[in-house]
Amino acid sequence: MSTTPAGLVLQGFTPPLRLRDFKLIAFDMDSTLINIECVDEIADAAGRKAEVAAITEAAMRGEIADYKDSLRQRVQLLAGVTVGHMQQVLDQRLQLNPGAATLVQACQDAGLKTLLVSGGFTFFTDAVRDRLRIDWTRSNVLEVVNGVLTGRMVDQDWGDICDGAEKRTMLLHTCAQMGIDPAQAIGMGDGANDLPMMGAAGLSVAYHAKPAVRAQAMVAINEGGLDRLLEVLV
């Protein structure tokens, strides 16, 4: 392991690498591209933020073996929250993390395609996708009846819930669709459910991540913004 400028930890390779040698970058959303955990902020509207946030934190640390079950538990606690409340979270609380727009733009300028894979919800991933002009997304759909969350999610044609295994599957599927080797992909996340995706990519990047994720990533950004990745990719 080696440490280069403060707050960047590298292991498993010697920089610099060329950004143009990669063809795809895959991002987690909550606490990676954006500043919040959306499920926790939605729960705030139901007066259940502390309860939901405790489950989220345990899941991201890898202390809950079944991510799908943990997400179902949290979503059940969202029953009765309105779409209007979710819109308030989107408008008033959700912000891109520092350096997110800069990094995405640099990757796009270098010819990389962009993928957003999230255990969160399409209500938010669609907005982030449009803001950053991301090519592909995969996330979960909250069931809404008469403008109110039911506490359930909607199955999609690819499966039920985007968990760590599905993030990895989507990364590999996108690589196959592009005709590239997974070694030409970058995977970036912060929680335990990002590890399968990060492990399948040629370059794994942890952003202000949980200890288990930092330990396994080739690049750990512990201080500053996402664009610090550009310090090791020329």
Protein backbone atom coordinates (compact mmCIF):
# COMPACT_ATOMS: atom_id res chain seq x y z
CA MET A 1 0.00 0.00 0.00
CA SER A 2 1.21 3.49 -0.74
CA THR A 3 -0.06 6.94 0.09
CA THR A 4 0.20 9.73 -2.44
CA PRO A 5 -1.11 13.26 -1.80
CA ALA A 6 -2.95 13.59 1.53
CA GLY A 7 -6.24 11.77 1.65
CA LEU A 8 -5.51 9.42 -1.28
CA VAL A 9 -4.53 5.82 -0.57
CA LEU A 10 -3.39 3.54 -3.41
CA GLN A 11 -2.85 -0.20 -3.34
CA GLY A 12 -2.25 -2.74 -6.08
CA PHE A 13 -0.90 -0.42 -8.78
CA THR A 14 1.49 2.44 -9.42
CA PRO A 15 0.05 5.67 -10.84
CA PRO A 16 -0.47 7.26 -13.16
CA LEU A 17 -2.90 5.33 -15.36
CA ARG A 18 -4.39 6.83 -18.50
CA LEU A 19 -8.06 7.72 -18.27
CA ARG A 20 -8.46 7.01 -21.97
CA ASP A 21 -7.41 3.39 -21.41
CA PHE A 22 -10.77 2.89 -19.69
CA LYS A 23 -14.09 2.77 -21.55
CA LEU A 24 -16.69 2.76 -18.76
CA ILE A 25 -17.07 4.21 -15.27
CA ALA A 26 -19.78 2.88 -12.94
CA PHE A 27 -20.93 4.93 -9.96
CA ASP A 28 -22.92 4.19 -6.86
CA MET A 29 -25.27 7.09 -6.11
CA ASP A 30 -26.11 7.59 -2.41
CA SER A 31 -23.14 9.02 -0.47
CA THR A 32 -20.98 8.62 -3.59
CA LEU A 33 -22.27 10.81 -6.42
CA ILE A 34 -24.67 12.60 -4.05
CA ASN A 35 -24.46 13.84 -0.46
CA ILE A 36 -27.33 11.90 1.13
CA GLU A 37 -28.83 8.46 1.61
CA CYS A 38 -32.18 9.05 -0.06
CA VAL A 39 -34.04 6.35 1.86
CA ASP A 40 -33.04 7.98 5.15
CA GLU A 41 -34.24 11.40 4.00
CA ILE A 42 -37.56 10.00 2.78
CA ALA A 43 -37.97 8.33 6.17
CA ASP A 44 -37.54 11.71 7.82
CA ALA A 45 -40.91 12.70 6.36
CA ALA A 46 -42.46 9.69 8.12
CA GLY A 47 -40.76 10.50 11.42
CA ARG A 48 -38.68 7.33 11.14
CA LYS A 49 -35.29 8.61 10.03
CA ALA A 50 -33.32 7.33 13.03
CA GLU A 51 -34.77 3.83 12.69
CA VAL A 52 -34.17 3.65 8.94
CA ALA A 53 -30.74 5.29 9.10
CA ALA A 54 -29.55 2.70 11.64
CA ILE A 55 -30.44 -0.11 9.21
CA THR A 56 -28.80 1.76 6.32
CA GLU A 57 -25.57 2.27 8.27
CA ALA A 58 -25.39 -1.40 9.27
CA ALA A 59 -26.04 -2.50 5.67
CA MET A 60 -23.35 -0.19 4.27
CA ARG A 61 -20.83 -1.48 6.83
CA GLY A 62 -21.60 -5.02 5.69
CA GLU A 63 -23.11 -6.04 9.01
CA ILE A 64 -26.40 -7.20 7.42
CA ALA A 65 -25.94 -10.27 5.27
CA ASP A 66 -29.15 -9.91 3.25
CA TYR A 67 -29.16 -6.47 1.63
CA LYS A 68 -32.48 -7.12 -0.09
CA ASP A 69 -34.16 -7.89 3.21
CA SER A 70 -32.65 -4.79 4.81
CA LEU A 71 -33.97 -2.63 1.98
CA ARG A 72 -37.43 -4.17 2.18
CA GLN A 73 -37.46 -3.42 5.92
CA ARG A 74 -36.58 0.20 5.30
CA VAL A 75 -39.06 0.65 2.45
CA GLN A 76 -41.87 -0.78 4.60
CA LEU A 77 -41.22 2.04 7.04
CA LEU A 78 -41.78 4.58 4.24
CA ALA A 79 -45.45 3.65 3.80
CA GLY A 80 -47.62 6.78 3.78
CA VAL A 81 -44.91 9.18 2.60
CA THR A 82 -46.11 11.24 -0.35
CA VAL A 83 -44.46 11.86 -3.68
CA GLY A 84 -44.52 15.51 -2.65
CA HIS A 85 -42.26 14.70 0.28
CA MET A 86 -39.85 12.90 -2.06
CA GLN A 87 -39.83 15.93 -4.32
CA GLN A 88 -38.86 18.07 -1.34
CA VAL A 89 -35.91 15.74 -0.66
CA LEU A 90 -34.88 16.06 -4.30
CA ASP A 91 -35.25 19.83 -4.40
CA GLN A 92 -33.99 20.79 -0.94
CA ARG A 93 -31.60 18.11 0.32
CA LEU A 94 -30.03 16.25 -2.59
CA GLN A 95 -26.80 17.77 -3.86
CA LEU A 96 -24.01 16.39 -5.98
CA ASN A 97 -20.94 15.60 -3.94
CA PRO A 98 -17.89 17.83 -4.49
CA GLY A 99 -16.10 17.03 -7.72
CA ALA A 100 -18.88 14.79 -9.08
CA ALA A 101 -19.70 16.95 -12.10
CA THR A 102 -16.02 17.56 -12.82
CA LEU A 103 -15.15 13.85 -12.75
CA VAL A 104 -18.12 12.80 -14.87
CA GLN A 105 -17.37 15.50 -17.44
CA ALA A 106 -13.69 14.52 -17.59
CA CYS A 107 -14.64 10.89 -18.17
CA GLN A 108 -17.09 11.83 -20.88
CA ASP A 109 -14.52 14.08 -22.54
CA ALA A 110 -12.09 11.13 -22.53
CA GLY A 111 -14.66 8.98 -24.30
CA LEU A 112 -15.86 6.88 -21.38
CA LYS A 113 -19.48 5.80 -21.07
CA THR A 114 -21.13 6.30 -17.68
CA LEU A 115 -23.26 3.95 -15.59
CA LEU A 116 -25.18 4.66 -12.39
CA VAL A 117 -26.03 1.56 -10.33
CA SER A 118 -27.89 2.19 -7.10
CA GLY A 119 -29.68 0.39 -4.33
CA GLY A 120 -31.76 3.57 -4.19
CA PHE A 121 -34.74 4.60 -6.24
CA THR A 122 -35.51 5.67 -9.79
CA PHE A 123 -37.20 8.85 -8.52
CA PHE A 124 -33.71 10.12 -7.66
CA THR A 125 -31.46 8.23 -10.07
CA ASP A 126 -33.43 9.56 -13.03
CA ALA A 127 -32.85 13.13 -11.85
CA VAL A 128 -29.12 12.56 -11.30
CA ARG A 129 -28.87 10.80 -14.67
CA ASP A 130 -30.42 13.76 -16.45
CA ARG A 131 -28.32 16.31 -14.59
CA LEU A 132 -25.00 14.59 -15.37
CA ARG A 133 -26.01 13.13 -18.77
CA ILE A 134 -25.27 9.58 -17.57
CA ASP A 135 -25.72 6.89 -20.20
CA TRP A 136 -27.31 4.05 -18.22
CA THR A 137 -28.87 3.50 -14.80
CA ARG A 138 -30.16 0.64 -12.72
CA SER A 139 -32.06 1.15 -9.46
CA ASN A 140 -35.26 0.29 -7.65
CA VAL A 141 -38.85 1.43 -8.21
CA LEU A 142 -40.98 2.46 -5.24
CA GLU A 143 -44.64 1.49 -5.52
CA VAL A 144 -46.90 4.55 -5.46
CA VAL A 145 -50.70 4.52 -5.24
CA ASN A 146 -52.60 7.82 -5.43
CA GLY A 147 -49.41 9.76 -4.81
CA VAL A 148 -48.48 7.85 -1.66
CA LEU A 149 -45.79 5.22 -1.05
CA THR A 150 -47.21 1.79 -0.20
CA GLY A 151 -44.10 0.51 1.53
CA ARG A 152 -43.29 -1.88 -1.30
CA MET A 153 -41.10 -1.94 -4.40
CA VAL A 154 -42.10 -2.92 -7.93
CA ASP A 155 -40.42 -5.88 -9.63
CA GLN A 156 -38.71 -5.02 -12.93
CA ASP A 157 -37.97 -7.09 -16.01
CA TRP A 158 -34.40 -7.75 -14.79
CA GLY A 159 -35.39 -8.74 -11.24
CA ASP A 160 -36.66 -7.44 -7.93
CA ILE A 161 -33.97 -5.37 -6.16
CA CYS A 162 -30.69 -3.80 -7.25
CA ASP A 163 -28.33 -5.16 -4.61
CA GLY A 164 -24.60 -5.81 -4.73
CA ALA A 165 -24.97 -8.84 -6.99
CA GLU A 166 -27.16 -6.91 -9.40
CA LYS A 167 -24.70 -4.01 -9.48
CA ARG A 168 -21.99 -6.46 -10.53
CA THR A 169 -24.28 -8.09 -13.10
CA MET A 170 -25.16 -4.70 -14.59
CA LEU A 171 -21.50 -3.71 -14.83
CA LEU A 172 -20.62 -6.96 -16.62
CA HIS A 173 -23.71 -6.72 -18.86
CA THR A 174 -22.81 -3.17 -19.85
CA CYS A 175 -19.23 -4.19 -20.62
CA ALA A 176 -20.51 -7.04 -22.81
CA GLN A 177 -22.95 -4.69 -24.52
CA MET A 178 -20.08 -2.30 -25.27
CA GLY A 179 -17.78 -5.12 -26.38
CA ILE A 180 -15.13 -4.28 -23.78
CA ASP A 181 -13.32 -6.26 -21.11
CA PRO A 182 -14.32 -5.52 -17.48
CA ALA A 183 -10.66 -4.59 -16.96
CA GLN A 184 -11.50 -1.45 -18.98
CA ALA A 185 -14.13 -0.40 -16.42
CA ILE A 186 -13.86 1.70 -13.26
CA GLY A 187 -16.16 0.97 -10.32
CA MET A 188 -16.71 3.63 -7.65
CA GLY A 189 -18.67 3.33 -4.40
CA ASP A 190 -18.71 3.69 -0.63
CA GLY A 191 -20.64 0.77 0.89
CA ALA A 192 -20.44 -2.99 1.22
CA ASN A 193 -23.03 -3.51 -1.51
CA ASP A 194 -20.65 -1.80 -3.97
CA LEU A 195 -17.87 -4.35 -3.44
CA PRO A 196 -19.11 -6.95 -5.98
CA MET A 197 -19.23 -4.27 -8.71
CA MET A 198 -15.91 -2.77 -7.67
CA GLY A 199 -14.28 -6.20 -7.59
CA ALA A 200 -15.37 -6.93 -11.17
CA ALA A 201 -13.92 -3.66 -12.51
CA GLY A 202 -10.35 -3.10 -13.63
CA LEU A 203 -10.00 -0.16 -11.23
CA SER A 204 -11.91 0.02 -7.94
CA VAL A 205 -12.36 3.35 -6.19
CA ALA A 206 -13.68 3.93 -2.66
CA TYR A 207 -15.07 7.40 -1.92
CA HIS A 208 -15.26 8.44 1.76
CA ALA A 209 -16.11 4.79 2.24
CA LYS A 210 -16.73 2.31 5.03
CA PRO A 211 -13.56 0.64 6.37
CA ALA A 212 -14.19 -2.70 4.64
CA VAL A 213 -14.59 -0.93 1.31
CA ARG A 214 -11.48 1.22 1.73
CA ALA A 215 -9.47 -1.88 2.56
CA GLN A 216 -10.39 -3.62 -0.69
CA ALA A 217 -10.28 -0.69 -3.12
CA MET A 218 -7.31 0.08 -5.37
CA VAL A 219 -7.89 3.81 -4.79
CA ALA A 220 -9.39 5.24 -1.61
CA ILE A 221 -10.38 8.91 -1.64
CA ASN A 222 -10.61 9.79 2.04
CA GLU A 223 -10.41 13.58 1.76
CA GLY A 224 -11.72 16.00 -0.86
CA GLY A 225 -14.00 15.46 -3.84
CA LEU A 226 -14.58 12.71 -6.38
CA ASP A 227 -12.44 14.55 -8.92
CA ARG A 228 -9.37 13.61 -6.86
CA LEU A 229 -9.43 10.41 -8.91
CA LEU A 230 -8.04 12.57 -11.73
CA GLU A 231 -4.83 12.94 -9.70
CA VAL A 232 -3.99 9.30 -10.50
CA LEU A 233 -5.57 9.13 -13.98
CA VAL A 234 -3.93 11.30 -16.65
